Protein backbone atom coordinates (compact mmCIF):
# COMPACT_ATOMS: atom_id res chain seq x y z
CA MET A 1 0.00 0.00 0.00
CA ILE A 2 2.84 2.37 0.87
CA ASP A 3 6.05 1.97 -1.11
CA GLU A 4 9.12 3.52 0.47
CA SER A 5 11.68 2.14 -1.95
CA SER A 6 11.23 4.62 -4.79
CA VAL A 7 14.32 6.00 -6.53
CA THR A 8 14.53 9.75 -7.00
CA ASP A 9 17.23 12.17 -8.12
CA GLY A 10 19.41 9.29 -9.31
CA GLY A 11 19.78 7.71 -5.88
CA ALA A 12 17.89 5.36 -3.60
CA THR A 13 15.58 7.65 -1.64
CA ALA A 14 12.51 6.78 0.39
CA ALA A 15 9.31 8.19 -1.08
CA GLN A 16 7.51 10.90 0.87
CA ARG A 17 4.60 9.32 2.77
CA ILE A 18 1.37 11.26 2.28
CA LEU A 19 -1.83 10.18 4.01
CA LEU A 20 -5.09 11.82 2.92
CA VAL A 21 -7.67 11.65 5.72
CA THR A 22 -11.33 12.24 4.94
CA GLY A 23 -14.75 10.76 5.56
CA MET A 24 -18.14 11.46 7.06
CA LEU A 25 -18.41 14.53 9.26
CA GLY A 26 -18.60 13.32 12.85
CA ALA A 27 -16.83 10.03 12.11
CA GLY A 28 -13.67 11.03 13.98
CA LYS A 29 -11.34 12.89 11.61
CA THR A 30 -10.12 15.28 14.31
CA THR A 31 -9.33 12.39 16.65
CA ALA A 32 -7.53 10.54 13.87
CA MET A 33 -5.43 13.57 12.97
CA ARG A 34 -4.39 14.08 16.58
CA ALA A 35 -3.46 10.41 16.89
CA LEU A 36 -1.34 10.63 13.73
CA GLU A 37 0.39 13.73 15.05
CA ASP A 38 1.21 11.84 18.26
CA LEU A 39 2.77 9.12 16.09
CA GLY A 40 5.14 11.61 14.49
CA TRP A 41 3.17 12.54 11.38
CA GLU A 42 3.08 16.18 10.32
CA ALA A 43 -0.66 16.85 10.51
CA ILE A 44 -2.42 19.47 8.38
CA ASP A 45 -6.16 19.48 9.01
CA ASN A 46 -8.98 21.21 7.12
CA PHE A 47 -6.72 21.60 4.12
CA PRO A 48 -8.13 23.03 0.84
CA ILE A 49 -7.57 19.95 -1.28
CA ARG A 50 -7.44 22.04 -4.46
CA LEU A 51 -4.06 23.30 -3.20
CA LEU A 52 -2.62 19.81 -2.84
CA ASP A 53 -0.46 20.09 -5.99
CA ARG A 54 1.05 23.33 -4.73
CA LEU A 55 1.76 21.82 -1.30
CA LEU A 56 3.67 18.95 -2.91
CA GLU A 57 5.59 21.03 -5.44
CA THR A 58 9.34 20.53 -5.66
CA GLY A 59 12.14 22.69 -6.92
CA PRO A 60 13.88 25.95 -5.97
CA GLY A 61 11.74 28.55 -4.30
CA THR A 62 8.93 26.19 -3.34
CA ALA A 63 7.64 25.96 0.23
CA ARG A 64 7.29 22.21 0.17
CA ILE A 65 6.65 20.34 3.39
CA ASP A 66 9.56 18.56 5.08
CA ALA A 67 10.41 15.64 2.80
CA GLY A 68 11.75 13.64 5.74
CA ALA A 69 8.52 13.43 7.71
CA PRO A 70 5.31 11.57 6.85
CA VAL A 71 2.43 13.98 6.30
CA ALA A 72 -1.26 13.53 7.10
CA ILE A 73 -3.64 15.90 5.29
CA GLY A 74 -7.22 16.16 6.52
CA PHE A 75 -10.14 17.46 4.44
CA ASP A 76 -13.89 16.96 4.21
CA THR A 77 -17.07 18.11 2.47
CA ARG A 78 -16.91 21.55 4.10
CA THR A 79 -13.98 22.43 1.83
CA ARG A 80 -15.04 24.95 -0.82
CA GLY A 81 -15.38 23.33 -4.23
CA PHE A 82 -15.25 19.82 -2.78
CA ASP A 83 -15.53 17.36 -5.67
CA PRO A 84 -14.75 13.66 -4.99
CA GLY A 85 -14.24 12.88 -8.69
CA ALA A 86 -11.77 15.72 -9.14
CA ILE A 87 -9.96 14.72 -5.95
CA ILE A 88 -9.55 11.15 -7.14
CA GLU A 89 -8.14 12.27 -10.48
CA ARG A 90 -5.76 14.70 -8.81
CA VAL A 91 -4.47 12.04 -6.42
CA LYS A 92 -4.12 9.50 -9.25
CA SER A 93 -1.94 12.00 -11.08
CA LEU A 94 0.20 12.70 -8.02
CA SER A 95 0.58 8.97 -7.35
CA LEU A 96 2.55 8.63 -10.60
CA ARG A 97 5.38 10.59 -9.04
CA ALA A 98 8.23 8.38 -7.83
CA ASP A 99 8.96 10.68 -4.88
CA LEU A 100 5.48 10.33 -3.37
CA SER A 101 3.67 7.44 -1.70
CA ILE A 102 0.04 8.47 -1.24
CA THR A 103 -2.56 6.59 0.79
CA THR A 104 -6.18 7.62 1.40
CA LEU A 105 -7.95 6.91 4.69
CA PHE A 106 -11.75 7.16 4.78
CA LEU A 107 -13.53 7.35 8.14
CA ASP A 108 -17.09 6.07 8.01
CA CYS A 109 -19.85 5.78 10.61
CA GLY A 110 -23.42 4.49 10.71
CA GLY A 111 -26.18 7.02 10.15
CA ALA A 112 -27.96 6.43 13.46
CA GLU A 113 -24.73 6.89 15.40
CA LEU A 114 -23.90 10.07 13.48
CA GLN A 115 -27.36 11.42 14.33
CA ARG A 116 -26.76 10.62 17.99
CA ARG A 117 -23.43 12.45 17.90
CA TYR A 118 -24.98 15.51 16.28
CA ASN A 119 -27.80 15.52 18.82
CA GLU A 120 -25.27 15.20 21.62
CA THR A 121 -23.16 18.13 20.42
CA ARG A 122 -26.21 20.16 19.31
CA ARG A 123 -24.39 21.15 16.14
CA PRO A 124 -26.28 21.27 12.82
CA HIS A 125 -25.08 19.16 9.93
CA PRO A 126 -23.51 21.46 7.30
CA MET A 127 -25.50 19.81 4.50
CA ALA A 128 -28.86 19.64 6.30
CA ASP A 129 -30.09 23.10 5.19
CA ASP A 130 -32.01 23.80 8.43
CA LYS A 131 -33.56 20.32 8.32
CA PRO A 132 -32.92 17.35 10.64
CA ALA A 133 -29.39 15.96 10.58
CA GLU A 134 -30.63 12.76 8.95
CA GLY A 135 -31.12 14.48 5.59
CA GLY A 136 -27.68 16.08 5.66
CA ILE A 137 -26.03 12.78 6.56
CA ALA A 138 -27.76 11.02 3.67
CA ALA A 139 -26.74 13.74 1.19
CA GLU A 140 -23.15 13.67 2.42
CA ARG A 141 -22.96 9.88 2.19
CA GLU A 142 -24.16 9.96 -1.41
CA LEU A 143 -21.60 12.65 -2.28
CA LEU A 144 -18.73 10.74 -0.65
CA GLU A 145 -19.53 7.28 -1.96
CA PRO A 146 -17.01 7.41 -4.88
CA LEU A 147 -14.27 8.50 -2.50
CA ARG A 148 -15.16 5.76 -0.02
CA ARG A 149 -15.03 3.08 -2.72
CA TRP A 150 -11.67 4.37 -3.94
CA ALA A 151 -9.96 4.81 -0.53
CA ASP A 152 -7.09 2.48 0.36
CA VAL A 153 -8.14 2.19 4.03
CA VAL A 154 -11.66 2.43 5.45
CA ILE A 155 -12.22 2.57 9.22
CA THR A 156 -15.81 2.42 10.44
CA THR A 157 -16.18 4.11 13.82
CA THR A 158 -19.83 3.33 14.56
CA ASP A 159 -19.05 1.29 17.67
CA PHE A 160 -15.77 3.02 18.49
CA THR A 161 -14.91 5.11 21.49
CA THR A 162 -12.31 7.83 21.00
CA GLN A 163 -9.72 5.47 22.46
CA ASP A 164 -10.76 2.70 20.06
CA LEU A 165 -10.18 4.98 17.09
CA GLN A 166 -6.79 6.07 18.44
CA GLN A 167 -5.79 2.42 18.76
CA ALA A 168 -6.96 1.66 15.22
CA ILE A 169 -4.89 4.55 13.87
CA ARG A 170 -1.84 3.36 15.79
CA ALA A 171 -2.28 -0.19 14.54
CA GLN A 172 -2.58 0.95 10.92
CA PHE A 173 -0.09 3.82 10.69
CA LEU A 174 2.50 3.47 13.44
CA GLN A 175 6.03 3.51 12.05
CA GLY A 176 8.44 1.34 14.03
CA PRO A 177 7.93 0.33 17.67
CA PRO A 178 5.26 2.07 19.80
CA PRO A 179 6.51 5.28 21.47
CA ARG A 180 7.48 4.76 25.10
CA SER A 181 5.43 6.46 27.78
CA LEU A 182 7.24 9.21 29.69
CA LEU A 183 7.44 7.60 33.11
CA THR A 184 7.84 9.51 36.36
CA ILE A 185 8.22 7.87 39.76
CA SER A 186 7.99 10.13 42.79
CA SER A 187 7.95 9.99 46.55
CA PHE A 188 5.91 12.33 48.73
CA GLY A 189 4.58 12.88 52.23
CA PHE A 190 0.85 12.60 52.86
CA SER A 191 1.29 15.49 55.30
CA ARG A 192 1.55 17.81 52.31
CA GLY A 193 -1.12 16.19 50.17
CA THR A 194 -1.21 13.69 47.34
CA PRO A 195 0.45 14.73 44.04
CA PRO A 196 -2.47 15.92 41.88
CA LEU A 197 -1.30 14.39 38.60
CA SER A 198 -0.57 10.88 39.85
CA ASP A 199 -1.99 7.99 37.83
CA MET A 200 -1.26 5.53 40.65
CA VAL A 201 -0.54 6.15 44.32
CA PHE A 202 0.93 3.54 46.66
CA ASP A 203 0.70 4.13 50.40
CA MET A 204 3.85 2.88 52.17
CA ARG A 205 2.66 3.67 55.69
CA PHE A 206 2.06 -0.04 56.36
CA LEU A 207 5.84 -0.56 56.57
CA ALA A 208 7.87 -0.15 59.75
CA ASN A 209 8.79 3.53 60.18
CA PRO A 210 12.54 4.28 60.46
CA TYR A 211 11.70 7.63 62.03
CA TRP A 212 11.16 5.92 65.36
CA VAL A 213 14.72 4.56 65.38
CA GLU A 214 16.80 7.39 66.76
CA ASN A 215 19.97 6.87 64.71
CA LEU A 216 17.92 6.45 61.48
CA ARG A 217 15.78 9.55 61.99
CA PRO A 218 18.18 12.06 60.39
CA MET A 219 18.76 9.76 57.39
CA THR A 220 16.57 9.29 54.31
CA GLY A 221 15.37 6.39 52.21
CA ARG A 222 18.49 6.79 50.10
CA ASP A 223 20.75 5.75 52.97
CA ALA A 224 21.70 2.06 53.27
CA PRO A 225 20.84 1.68 56.99
CA VAL A 226 17.31 2.94 56.34
CA GLY A 227 16.94 0.54 53.41
CA ASP A 228 18.17 -2.38 55.51
CA TYR A 229 15.68 -1.51 58.25
CA ILE A 230 12.74 -1.38 55.82
CA ARG A 231 13.79 -4.63 54.12
CA ARG A 232 13.59 -6.41 57.47
CA ASP A 233 9.87 -5.67 57.70
CA PRO A 234 8.14 -9.02 56.94
CA ALA A 235 5.66 -7.25 54.61
CA TYR A 236 8.30 -5.55 52.47
CA ALA A 237 9.51 -8.32 50.14
CA GLU A 238 6.07 -9.50 49.04
CA ALA A 239 4.74 -5.94 48.70
CA PHE A 240 7.71 -4.91 46.57
CA GLU A 241 7.36 -7.92 44.25
CA ARG A 242 3.62 -7.45 43.81
CA ILE A 243 3.91 -3.72 43.10
CA ARG A 244 6.79 -4.29 40.66
CA ASP A 245 4.92 -7.03 38.79
CA LEU A 246 1.73 -4.97 38.66
CA LEU A 247 3.60 -2.00 37.21
CA LEU A 248 5.36 -4.13 34.61
CA LEU A 249 1.96 -5.40 33.46
CA LEU A 250 0.26 -2.00 33.46
CA LEU A 251 3.08 -0.02 31.87
CA GLY A 252 3.11 -2.35 28.88
CA ARG A 253 -0.63 -1.91 28.51
CA PHE A 254 -0.39 1.87 28.87
CA GLU A 255 2.13 2.01 26.04
CA GLN A 256 -0.09 -0.13 23.82
CA GLN A 257 -2.90 2.33 24.53
CA GLY A 258 -0.63 5.23 23.56
CA LYS A 259 -0.60 6.87 26.99
CA ALA A 260 2.03 9.60 26.72
CA TYR A 261 2.66 10.23 30.43
CA VAL A 262 2.53 7.87 33.40
CA ASN A 263 3.05 9.22 36.92
CA ILE A 264 3.49 6.76 39.80
CA ALA A 265 3.73 8.08 43.35
CA PHE A 266 4.81 6.43 46.61
CA GLY A 267 3.73 8.12 49.82
CA CYS A 268 4.52 7.86 53.52
CA THR A 269 3.86 10.20 56.41
CA GLY A 270 6.64 12.73 55.91
CA GLY A 271 8.01 11.72 52.50
CA LYS A 272 11.51 11.09 53.82
CA HIS A 273 12.06 7.39 54.54
CA ARG A 274 9.68 4.65 53.34
CA SER A 275 8.31 6.34 50.23
CA VAL A 276 11.78 7.45 49.14
CA PHE A 277 13.21 3.95 49.56
CA MET A 278 10.36 2.24 47.70
CA ALA A 279 10.46 4.78 44.86
CA GLU A 280 14.19 4.19 44.48
CA GLN A 281 13.78 0.41 44.47
CA ILE A 282 10.91 0.39 41.99
CA ALA A 283 12.72 2.82 39.67
CA SER A 284 15.76 0.51 39.71
CA ALA A 285 13.62 -2.54 38.94
CA LEU A 286 11.90 -0.78 36.05
CA ARG A 287 15.23 0.32 34.60
CA GLU A 288 16.34 -3.31 34.62
CA ALA A 289 13.14 -4.12 32.70
CA GLY A 290 14.01 -1.59 29.98
CA PHE A 291 12.08 1.49 31.12
CA SER A 292 13.65 4.91 31.68
CA PRO A 293 11.82 6.49 34.61
CA THR A 294 12.47 9.96 35.94
CA LEU A 295 12.79 9.86 39.73
CA LEU A 296 11.56 12.73 41.90
CA HIS A 297 11.47 13.10 45.71
CA ARG A 298 9.01 15.87 46.45
CA ASN A 299 9.44 16.26 50.21
CA LEU A 300 12.88 14.84 50.83
CA GLY A 301 14.23 18.07 52.26
CA SER A 302 11.05 19.22 53.96
CA ARG A 303 11.56 20.64 57.45
CA ALA A 304 7.93 19.95 58.29
CA ALA A 305 8.39 16.18 57.95
CA ASP A 306 9.87 15.82 61.44
CA LEU A 307 7.01 17.76 62.98
CA VAL A 308 4.43 15.54 61.30
CA GLU A 309 6.16 12.31 62.30
CA ARG A 310 6.55 13.54 65.88
CA SER A 311 2.87 14.44 66.10
CA GLY A 312 1.96 10.75 66.10
CA ALA A 313 0.44 10.70 62.62
CA TRP A 314 -0.85 7.29 61.57
CA GLY A 315 1.79 4.71 60.71
CA PRO A 316 3.54 1.71 62.32
CA ARG A 317 6.28 2.57 64.74
């Protein structure tokens, strides 16, 4: 479908990947374009398709798009002078060029579902002419039928959620391995509140508290004596293994879903001992598994931590 082995300018050069994205209004073009952009495509939405030749011009003085990046171009029936037959002929002509590899994606959706979406958003269909959306949808479908038949890829979104469509786009147009999620592991003290952007929070206050050991109190979870003390807690080993295994399972799933950011937080009373140690250990285990987490300790230097611990806040002594 997409040939990247074309020869141009006398040398072996990969053809420029061009993806034309169109379809029924309300079928998910905006979502698809955003998903493509997240995958590294240069996305140009609501493009006047009559200017396609000019966009793809080559030669001195032209403002051609970056030839090194795949480009997704979105357009629909709202474009002035929209003519499916003329579009097909124009794309056929451009497809003869050895430096271009053009694919057309058509997004379709059942009429009843499109009506539901229009009713939900309370937006009129552009082709309804002050009549119910049903008439506009039918007219649009008839207009687009030649383009749908001709398209290389058709995705029907009738039963799709936004996430389903994003996954379908990734499955069809991802280049290379899935992008890794940007992973952050942090420690914090509950005394200063839970980090607001955390996807998962693990409460470490069930572990023995080094604060109540006088010589360990001034240390942190980064110090070996504190780590040795926490490891001796009978609950530690099993808890660590279960949390590690859970994260390894979930992180893989998050990446398959295309989740860009994952924030995992470990909390204890003051954010100085148990949460710091567990965050360090989990970050190390995830690095061994091939992840590259950023490690943050929010309250490690907090002066208030001692006051909170001393106040008898909940937690094993």
